[in-house]
Amino acid sequence: MKENTELLQFPCPYPLKVLGKNTKEFLAVVSGIIEKHIVEGGHVTYSTRVSSGEKYLSMTATFDAQSQTQLTAIYEELNVHELVLMTL
């Protein structure tokens, strides 16, 4: 018998944090990647914060995640982009 070990029950609200260098392109690139994977009619809210030295920028995107497959695809695409330093 296989035990169900999923930690999330989909769909569910999901906050995804992305950190990168504080550039003009960062916000547009990250939001574009995330929105590409959101179901039609889905809503994403964004909040941003600049580091104290103004060198780095963090963006938190909150959306209704539909599946682990969707989250994996978003994380994989973000993590290979040159402007993204870290995802949480």
PDB file of N, CA and C in Angstrom:
ATOM      1  N   MET A   1       0.840  -1.171   0.000  1.00  0.00           N
ATOM      2  CA  MET A   1       0.000   0.000   0.000  1.00  0.00           C
ATOM      3  C   MET A   1       0.895   1.247   0.000  1.00  0.00           C
ATOM      4  N   LYS A   2       0.620   2.160  -0.903  1.00  0.00           N
ATOM      5  CA  LYS A   2       1.410   3.385  -1.010  1.00  0.00           C
ATOM      6  C   LYS A   2       0.756   4.490  -0.184  1.00  0.00           C
ATOM      7  N   GLU A   3       1.562   5.130   0.647  1.00  0.00           N
ATOM      8  CA  GLU A   3       1.054   6.211   1.487  1.00  0.00           C
ATOM      9  C   GLU A   3       1.089   7.524   0.714  1.00  0.00           C
ATOM     10  N   ASN A   4       0.039   8.312   0.803  1.00  0.00           N
ATOM     11  CA  ASN A   4      -0.021   9.618   0.148  1.00  0.00           C
ATOM     12  C   ASN A   4       0.821  10.604   0.953  1.00  0.00           C
ATOM     13  N   THR A   5       1.906  11.106   0.346  1.00  0.00           N
ATOM     14  CA  THR A   5       2.819  11.984   1.065  1.00  0.00           C
ATOM     15  C   THR A   5       2.818  13.412   0.533  1.00  0.00           C
ATOM     16  N   GLU A   6       1.796  13.783  -0.246  1.00  0.00           N
ATOM     17  CA  GLU A   6       1.733  15.148  -0.759  1.00  0.00           C
ATOM     18  C   GLU A   6       1.538  16.115   0.394  1.00  0.00           C
ATOM     19  N   LEU A   7       2.333  17.181   0.400  1.00  0.00           N
ATOM     20  CA  LEU A   7       2.247  18.175   1.457  1.00  0.00           C
ATOM     21  C   LEU A   7       1.211  19.242   1.159  1.00  0.00           C
ATOM     22  N   LEU A   8       0.894  19.430  -0.102  1.00  0.00           N
ATOM     23  CA  LEU A   8      -0.071  20.449  -0.500  1.00  0.00           C
ATOM     24  C   LEU A   8      -1.321  19.789  -1.055  1.00  0.00           C
ATOM     25  N   GLN A   9      -2.444  20.401  -0.791  1.00  0.00           N
ATOM     26  CA  GLN A   9      -3.718  19.974  -1.369  1.00  0.00           C
ATOM     27  C   GLN A   9      -4.056  20.968  -2.469  1.00  0.00           C
ATOM     28  N   PHE A  10      -4.075  20.515  -3.710  1.00  0.00           N
ATOM     29  CA  PHE A  10      -4.312  21.409  -4.850  1.00  0.00           C
ATOM     30  C   PHE A  10      -5.784  21.445  -5.205  1.00  0.00           C
ATOM     31  N   PRO A  11      -6.266  22.594  -5.704  1.00  0.00           N
ATOM     32  CA  PRO A  11      -5.587  23.886  -5.814  1.00  0.00           C
ATOM     33  C   PRO A  11      -5.447  24.541  -4.442  1.00  0.00           C
ATOM     34  N   CYS A  12      -4.416  25.396  -4.315  1.00  0.00           N
ATOM     35  CA  CYS A  12      -4.181  26.094  -3.051  1.00  0.00           C
ATOM     36  C   CYS A  12      -3.441  27.403  -3.315  1.00  0.00           C
ATOM     37  N   PRO A  13      -3.635  28.400  -2.446  1.00  0.00           N
ATOM     38  CA  PRO A  13      -2.863  29.639  -2.572  1.00  0.00           C
ATOM     39  C   PRO A  13      -1.386  29.315  -2.342  1.00  0.00           C
ATOM     40  N   TYR A  14      -0.524  29.871  -3.174  1.00  0.00           N
ATOM     41  CA  TYR A  14       0.895  29.542  -3.085  1.00  0.00           C
ATOM     42  C   TYR A  14       1.745  30.800  -3.242  1.00  0.00           C
ATOM     43  N   PRO A  15       2.552  31.141  -2.226  1.00  0.00           N
ATOM     44  CA  PRO A  15       3.470  32.277  -2.355  1.00  0.00           C
ATOM     45  C   PRO A  15       4.829  31.788  -2.859  1.00  0.00           C
ATOM     46  N   LEU A  16       5.326  32.380  -3.903  1.00  0.00           N
ATOM     47  CA  LEU A  16       6.610  32.005  -4.486  1.00  0.00           C
ATOM     48  C   LEU A  16       7.513  33.234  -4.446  1.00  0.00           C
ATOM     49  N   LYS A  17       8.675  33.108  -3.820  1.00  0.00           N
ATOM     50  CA  LYS A  17       9.593  34.238  -3.711  1.00  0.00           C
ATOM     51  C   LYS A  17      10.757  34.036  -4.670  1.00  0.00           C
ATOM     52  N   VAL A  18      11.101  35.106  -5.385  1.00  0.00           N
ATOM     53  CA  VAL A  18      12.191  35.070  -6.355  1.00  0.00           C
ATOM     54  C   VAL A  18      13.131  36.223  -6.043  1.00  0.00           C
ATOM     55  N   LEU A  19      14.439  35.928  -5.972  1.00  0.00           N
ATOM     56  CA  LEU A  19      15.434  36.958  -5.702  1.00  0.00           C
ATOM     57  C   LEU A  19      16.355  37.121  -6.896  1.00  0.00           C
ATOM     58  N   GLY A  20      16.716  38.372  -7.168  1.00  0.00           N
ATOM     59  CA  GLY A  20      17.614  38.652  -8.279  1.00  0.00           C
ATOM     60  C   GLY A  20      18.270  40.003  -8.111  1.00  0.00           C
ATOM     61  N   LYS A  21      19.099  40.356  -9.065  1.00  0.00           N
ATOM     62  CA  LYS A  21      19.727  41.673  -9.046  1.00  0.00           C
ATOM     63  C   LYS A  21      18.681  42.727  -9.379  1.00  0.00           C
ATOM     64  N   ASN A  22      18.837  43.893  -8.805  1.00  0.00           N
ATOM     65  CA  ASN A  22      17.880  44.983  -8.979  1.00  0.00           C
ATOM     66  C   ASN A  22      18.080  45.626 -10.351  1.00  0.00           C
ATOM     67  N   THR A  23      17.430  45.045 -11.360  1.00  0.00           N
ATOM     68  CA  THR A  23      17.497  45.579 -12.721  1.00  0.00           C
ATOM     69  C   THR A  23      16.085  45.867 -13.213  1.00  0.00           C
ATOM     70  N   LYS A  24      15.991  46.670 -14.256  1.00  0.00           N
ATOM     71  CA  LYS A  24      14.684  47.003 -14.834  1.00  0.00           C
ATOM     72  C   LYS A  24      14.002  45.764 -15.399  1.00  0.00           C
ATOM     73  N   GLU A  25      14.761  44.850 -15.941  1.00  0.00           N
ATOM     74  CA  GLU A  25      14.209  43.677 -16.605  1.00  0.00           C
ATOM     75  C   GLU A  25      13.696  42.611 -15.644  1.00  0.00           C
ATOM     76  N   PHE A  26      14.212  42.575 -14.429  1.00  0.00           N
ATOM     77  CA  PHE A  26      13.916  41.486 -13.494  1.00  0.00           C
ATOM     78  C   PHE A  26      12.417  41.278 -13.285  1.00  0.00           C
ATOM     79  N   LEU A  27      11.690  42.328 -12.950  1.00  0.00           N
ATOM     80  CA  LEU A  27      10.258  42.197 -12.666  1.00  0.00           C
ATOM     81  C   LEU A  27       9.482  41.699 -13.877  1.00  0.00           C
ATOM     82  N   ALA A  28       9.781  42.233 -15.041  1.00  0.00           N
ATOM     83  CA  ALA A  28       9.066  41.832 -16.259  1.00  0.00           C
ATOM     84  C   ALA A  28       9.352  40.376 -16.612  1.00  0.00           C
ATOM     85  N   VAL A  29      10.598  39.970 -16.501  1.00  0.00           N
ATOM     86  CA  VAL A  29      10.977  38.591 -16.836  1.00  0.00           C
ATOM     87  C   VAL A  29      10.315  37.603 -15.883  1.00  0.00           C
ATOM     88  N   VAL A  30      10.415  37.866 -14.590  1.00  0.00           N
ATOM     89  CA  VAL A  30       9.870  36.945 -13.592  1.00  0.00           C
ATOM     90  C   VAL A  30       8.349  36.857 -13.706  1.00  0.00           C
ATOM     91  N   SER A  31       7.677  37.991 -13.813  1.00  0.00           N
ATOM     92  CA  SER A  31       6.212  37.953 -13.923  1.00  0.00           C
ATOM     93  C   SER A  31       5.784  37.260 -15.217  1.00  0.00           C
ATOM     94  N   GLY A  32       6.536  37.444 -16.288  1.00  0.00           N
ATOM     95  CA  GLY A  32       6.220  36.773 -17.549  1.00  0.00           C
ATOM     96  C   GLY A  32       6.329  35.264 -17.445  1.00  0.00           C
ATOM     97  N   ILE A  33       7.374  34.790 -16.780  1.00  0.00           N
ATOM     98  CA  ILE A  33       7.554  33.344 -16.602  1.00  0.00           C
ATOM     99  C   ILE A  33       6.419  32.772 -15.761  1.00  0.00           C
ATOM    100  N   ILE A  34       6.108  33.427 -14.668  1.00  0.00           N
ATOM    101  CA  ILE A  34       5.059  32.925 -13.777  1.00  0.00           C
ATOM    102  C   ILE A  34       3.709  32.919 -14.484  1.00  0.00           C
ATOM    103  N   GLU A  35       3.357  34.020 -15.121  1.00  0.00           N
ATOM    104  CA  GLU A  35       2.037  34.134 -15.747  1.00  0.00           C
ATOM    105  C   GLU A  35       1.849  33.171 -16.917  1.00  0.00           C
ATOM    106  N   LYS A  36       2.944  32.760 -17.531  1.00  0.00           N
ATOM    107  CA  LYS A  36       2.865  31.781 -18.615  1.00  0.00           C
ATOM    108  C   LYS A  36       2.317  30.441 -18.120  1.00  0.00           C
ATOM    109  N   HIS A  37       2.527  30.155 -16.841  1.00  0.00           N
ATOM    110  CA  HIS A  37       2.124  28.870 -16.269  1.00  0.00           C
ATOM    111  C   HIS A  37       0.813  28.930 -15.485  1.00  0.00           C
ATOM    112  N   ILE A  38       0.193  30.094 -15.415  1.00  0.00           N
ATOM    113  CA  ILE A  38      -1.046  30.259 -14.655  1.00  0.00           C
ATOM    114  C   ILE A  38      -2.238  29.943 -15.556  1.00  0.00           C
ATOM    115  N   VAL A  39      -3.221  29.252 -15.000  1.00  0.00           N
ATOM    116  CA  VAL A  39      -4.407  28.899 -15.785  1.00  0.00           C
ATOM    117  C   VAL A  39      -5.138  30.159 -16.229  1.00  0.00           C
ATOM    118  N   GLU A  40      -5.810  30.049 -17.359  1.00  0.00           N
ATOM    119  CA  GLU A  40      -6.553  31.187 -17.898  1.00  0.00           C
ATOM    120  C   GLU A  40      -7.563  31.675 -16.863  1.00  0.00           C
ATOM    121  N   GLY A  41      -7.582  32.974 -16.658  1.00  0.00           N
ATOM    122  CA  GLY A  41      -8.472  33.562 -15.662  1.00  0.00           C
ATOM    123  C   GLY A  41      -7.880  33.561 -14.267  1.00  0.00           C
ATOM    124  N   GLY A  42      -6.688  32.974 -14.117  1.00  0.00           N
ATOM    125  CA  GLY A  42      -6.026  32.953 -12.814  1.00  0.00           C
ATOM    126  C   GLY A  42      -5.510  34.334 -12.450  1.00  0.00           C
ATOM    127  N   HIS A  43      -5.364  34.572 -11.176  1.00  0.00           N
ATOM    128  CA  HIS A  43      -4.936  35.884 -10.690  1.00  0.00           C
ATOM    129  C   HIS A  43      -3.632  35.735  -9.910  1.00  0.00           C
ATOM    130  N   VAL A  44      -2.701  36.641 -10.163  1.00  0.00           N
ATOM    131  CA  VAL A  44      -1.427  36.656  -9.452  1.00  0.00           C
ATOM    132  C   VAL A  44      -1.284  38.013  -8.782  1.00  0.00           C
ATOM    133  N   THR A  45      -0.899  38.021  -7.511  1.00  0.00           N
ATOM    134  CA  THR A  45      -0.580  39.282  -6.842  1.00  0.00           C
ATOM    135  C   THR A  45       0.924  39.305  -6.598  1.00  0.00           C
ATOM    136  N   TYR A  46       1.501  40.487  -6.740  1.00  0.00           N
ATOM    137  CA  TYR A  46       2.943  40.646  -6.591  1.00  0.00           C
ATOM    138  C   TYR A  46       3.251  41.653  -5.497  1.00  0.00           C
ATOM    139  N   SER A  47       4.318  41.384  -4.773  1.00  0.00           N
ATOM    140  CA  SER A  47       4.888  42.379  -3.873  1.00  0.00           C
ATOM    141  C   SER A  47       6.397  42.341  -4.083  1.00  0.00           C
ATOM    142  N   THR A  48       7.026  43.486  -3.920  1.00  0.00           N
ATOM    143  CA  THR A  48       8.472  43.568  -4.139  1.00  0.00           C
ATOM    144  C   THR A  48       9.144  44.263  -2.964  1.00  0.00           C
ATOM    145  N   ARG A  49      10.420  43.979  -2.832  1.00  0.00           N
ATOM    146  CA  ARG A  49      11.221  44.615  -1.788  1.00  0.00           C
ATOM    147  C   ARG A  49      12.657  44.725  -2.286  1.00  0.00           C
ATOM    148  N   VAL A  50      13.216  45.905  -2.118  1.00  0.00           N
ATOM    149  CA  VAL A  50      14.605  46.154  -2.505  1.00  0.00           C
ATOM    150  C   VAL A  50      15.478  45.956  -1.274  1.00  0.00           C
ATOM    151  N   SER A  51      16.665  45.375  -1.468  1.00  0.00           N
ATOM    152  CA  SER A  51      17.584  45.161  -0.351  1.00  0.00           C
ATOM    153  C   SER A  51      18.069  46.499   0.194  1.00  0.00           C
ATOM    154  N   SER A  52      18.612  46.479   1.394  1.00  0.00           N
ATOM    155  CA  SER A  52      19.057  47.721   2.039  1.00  0.00           C
ATOM    156  C   SER A  52      20.130  48.437   1.229  1.00  0.00           C
ATOM    157  N   GLY A  53      20.953  47.701   0.524  1.00  0.00           N
ATOM    158  CA  GLY A  53      21.979  48.312  -0.314  1.00  0.00           C
ATOM    159  C   GLY A  53      21.508  48.603  -1.727  1.00  0.00           C
ATOM    160  N   GLU A  54      20.242  48.282  -2.004  1.00  0.00           N
ATOM    161  CA  GLU A  54      19.596  48.495  -3.301  1.00  0.00           C
ATOM    162  C   GLU A  54      20.241  47.713  -4.449  1.00  0.00           C
ATOM    163  N   LYS A  55      21.002  46.674  -4.112  1.00  0.00           N
ATOM    164  CA  LYS A  55      21.652  45.857  -5.136  1.00  0.00           C
ATOM    165  C   LYS A  55      20.761  44.699  -5.587  1.00  0.00           C
ATOM    166  N   TYR A  56      19.881  44.222  -4.688  1.00  0.00           N
ATOM    167  CA  TYR A  56      19.046  43.060  -4.969  1.00  0.00           C
ATOM    168  C   TYR A  56      17.567  43.403  -4.827  1.00  0.00           C
ATOM    169  N   LEU A  57      16.749  42.601  -5.484  1.00  0.00           N
ATOM    170  CA  LEU A  57      15.306  42.791  -5.460  1.00  0.00           C
ATOM    171  C   LEU A  57      14.647  41.441  -5.217  1.00  0.00           C
ATOM    172  N   SER A  58      13.664  41.419  -4.326  1.00  0.00           N
ATOM    173  CA  SER A  58      12.889  40.187  -4.147  1.00  0.00           C
ATOM    174  C   SER A  58      11.458  40.454  -4.576  1.00  0.00           C
ATOM    175  N   MET A  59      10.879  39.464  -5.217  1.00  0.00           N
ATOM    176  CA  MET A  59       9.490  39.543  -5.659  1.00  0.00           C
ATOM    177  C   MET A  59       8.771  38.327  -5.108  1.00  0.00           C
ATOM    178  N   THR A  60       7.623  38.556  -4.478  1.00  0.00           N
ATOM    179  CA  THR A  60       6.775  37.457  -4.044  1.00  0.00           C
ATOM    180  C   THR A  60       5.530  37.463  -4.912  1.00  0.00           C
ATOM    181  N   ALA A  61       5.282  36.347  -5.558  1.00  0.00           N
ATOM    182  CA  ALA A  61       4.091  36.174  -6.390  1.00  0.00           C
ATOM    183  C   ALA A  61       3.189  35.168  -5.690  1.00  0.00           C
ATOM    184  N   THR A  62       1.945  35.548  -5.454  1.00  0.00           N
ATOM    185  CA  THR A  62       0.987  34.650  -4.820  1.00  0.00           C
ATOM    186  C   THR A  62      -0.114  34.333  -5.823  1.00  0.00           C
ATOM    187  N   PHE A  63      -0.375  33.052  -5.994  1.00  0.00           N
ATOM    188  CA  PHE A  63      -1.366  32.599  -6.974  1.00  0.00           C
ATOM    189  C   PHE A  63      -1.944  31.272  -6.505  1.00  0.00           C
ATOM    190  N   ASP A  64      -3.014  30.831  -7.149  1.00  0.00           N
ATOM    191  CA  ASP A  64      -3.606  29.530  -6.839  1.00  0.00           C
ATOM    192  C   ASP A  64      -2.896  28.456  -7.652  1.00  0.00           C
ATOM    193  N   ALA A  65      -2.049  27.691  -6.972  1.00  0.00           N
ATOM    194  CA  ALA A  65      -1.334  26.597  -7.632  1.00  0.00           C
ATOM    195  C   ALA A  65      -2.307  25.465  -7.913  1.00  0.00           C
ATOM    196  N   GLN A  66      -2.212  24.899  -9.110  1.00  0.00           N
ATOM    197  CA  GLN A  66      -3.130  23.844  -9.534  1.00  0.00           C
ATOM    198  C   GLN A  66      -2.569  22.438  -9.339  1.00  0.00           C
ATOM    199  N   SER A  67      -1.223  22.311  -9.356  1.00  0.00           N
ATOM    200  CA  SER A  67      -0.616  20.982  -9.237  1.00  0.00           C
ATOM    201  C   SER A  67       0.873  21.113  -8.937  1.00  0.00           C
ATOM    202  N   GLN A  68       1.453  20.008  -8.486  1.00  0.00           N
ATOM    203  CA  GLN A  68       2.898  19.975  -8.266  1.00  0.00           C
ATOM    204  C   GLN A  68       3.637  20.114  -9.594  1.00  0.00           C
ATOM    205  N   THR A  69       3.067  19.574 -10.645  1.00  0.00           N
ATOM    206  CA  THR A  69       3.666  19.685 -11.975  1.00  0.00           C
ATOM    207  C   THR A  69       3.778  21.148 -12.389  1.00  0.00           C
ATOM    208  N   GLN A  70       2.746  21.922 -12.138  1.00  0.00           N
ATOM    209  CA  GLN A  70       2.768  23.351 -12.454  1.00  0.00           C
ATOM    210  C   GLN A  70       3.872  24.059 -11.667  1.00  0.00           C
ATOM    211  N   LEU A  71       3.959  23.792 -10.367  1.00  0.00           N
ATOM    212  CA  LEU A  71       4.981  24.434  -9.539  1.00  0.00           C
ATOM    213  C   LEU A  71       6.384  24.051  -9.995  1.00  0.00           C
ATOM    214  N   THR A  72       6.585  22.785 -10.305  1.00  0.00           N
ATOM    215  CA  THR A  72       7.892  22.326 -10.769  1.00  0.00           C
ATOM    216  C   THR A  72       8.290  23.040 -12.055  1.00  0.00           C
ATOM    217  N   ALA A  73       7.361  23.189 -12.980  1.00  0.00           N
ATOM    218  CA  ALA A  73       7.650  23.869 -14.251  1.00  0.00           C
ATOM    219  C   ALA A  73       8.035  25.328 -14.018  1.00  0.00           C
ATOM    220  N   ILE A  74       7.338  26.004 -13.117  1.00  0.00           N
ATOM    221  CA  ILE A  74       7.656  27.409 -12.820  1.00  0.00           C
ATOM    222  C   ILE A  74       9.043  27.510 -12.202  1.00  0.00           C
ATOM    223  N   TYR A  75       9.305  26.698 -11.170  1.00  0.00           N
ATOM    224  CA  TYR A  75      10.612  26.738 -10.510  1.00  0.00           C
ATOM    225  C   TYR A  75      11.746  26.418 -11.485  1.00  0.00           C
ATOM    226  N   GLU A  76      11.560  25.415 -12.322  1.00  0.00           N
ATOM    227  CA  GLU A  76      12.617  25.043 -13.270  1.00  0.00           C
ATOM    228  C   GLU A  76      12.918  26.179 -14.233  1.00  0.00           C
ATOM    229  N   GLU A  77      11.882  26.816 -14.766  1.00  0.00           N
ATOM    230  CA  GLU A  77      12.113  27.899 -15.720  1.00  0.00           C
ATOM    231  C   GLU A  77      12.743  29.115 -15.046  1.00  0.00           C
ATOM    232  N   LEU A  78      12.315  29.427 -13.839  1.00  0.00           N
ATOM    233  CA  LEU A  78      12.907  30.562 -13.126  1.00  0.00           C
ATOM    234  C   LEU A  78      14.374  30.299 -12.793  1.00  0.00           C
ATOM    235  N   ASN A  79      14.670  29.103 -12.309  1.00  0.00           N
ATOM    236  CA  ASN A  79      16.025  28.807 -11.833  1.00  0.00           C
ATOM    237  C   ASN A  79      17.083  28.773 -12.922  1.00  0.00           C
ATOM    238  N   VAL A  80      16.697  28.600 -14.175  1.00  0.00           N
ATOM    239  CA  VAL A  80      17.699  28.604 -15.242  1.00  0.00           C
ATOM    240  C   VAL A  80      17.881  29.994 -15.855  1.00  0.00           C
ATOM    241  N   HIS A  81      17.044  30.956 -15.469  1.00  0.00           N
ATOM    242  CA  HIS A  81      17.165  32.293 -16.052  1.00  0.00           C
ATOM    243  C   HIS A  81      18.328  33.041 -15.408  1.00  0.00           C
ATOM    244  N   GLU A  82      19.096  33.737 -16.223  1.00  0.00           N
ATOM    245  CA  GLU A  82      20.302  34.422 -15.749  1.00  0.00           C
ATOM    246  C   GLU A  82      20.030  35.555 -14.761  1.00  0.00           C
ATOM    247  N   LEU A  83      18.849  36.151 -14.769  1.00  0.00           N
ATOM    248  CA  LEU A  83      18.538  37.241 -13.845  1.00  0.00           C
ATOM    249  C   LEU A  83      18.111  36.747 -12.465  1.00  0.00           C
ATOM    250  N   VAL A  84      17.753  35.470 -12.360  1.00  0.00           N
ATOM    251  CA  VAL A  84      17.267  34.907 -11.103  1.00  0.00           C
ATOM    252  C   VAL A  84      18.436  34.316 -10.323  1.00  0.00           C
ATOM    253  N   LEU A  85      18.586  34.767  -9.074  1.00  0.00           N
ATOM    254  CA  LEU A  85      19.653  34.251  -8.218  1.00  0.00           C
ATOM    255  C   LEU A  85      19.169  33.115  -7.323  1.00  0.00           C
ATOM    256  N   MET A  86      17.890  33.187  -6.894  1.00  0.00           N
ATOM    257  CA  MET A  86      17.369  32.184  -5.973  1.00  0.00           C
ATOM    258  C   MET A  86      15.846  32.194  -6.004  1.00  0.00           C
ATOM    259  N   THR A  87      15.256  31.025  -5.779  1.00  0.00           N
ATOM    260  CA  THR A  87      13.806  30.927  -5.619  1.00  0.00           C
ATOM    261  C   THR A  87      13.509  30.226  -4.303  1.00  0.00           C
ATOM    262  N   LEU A  88      12.441  30.636  -3.678  1.00  0.00           N
ATOM    263  CA  LEU A  88      12.011  30.025  -2.412  1.00  0.00           C
ATOM    264  C   LEU A  88      10.535  29.702  -2.496  1.00  0.00           C
TER     265      LEU A  88
END
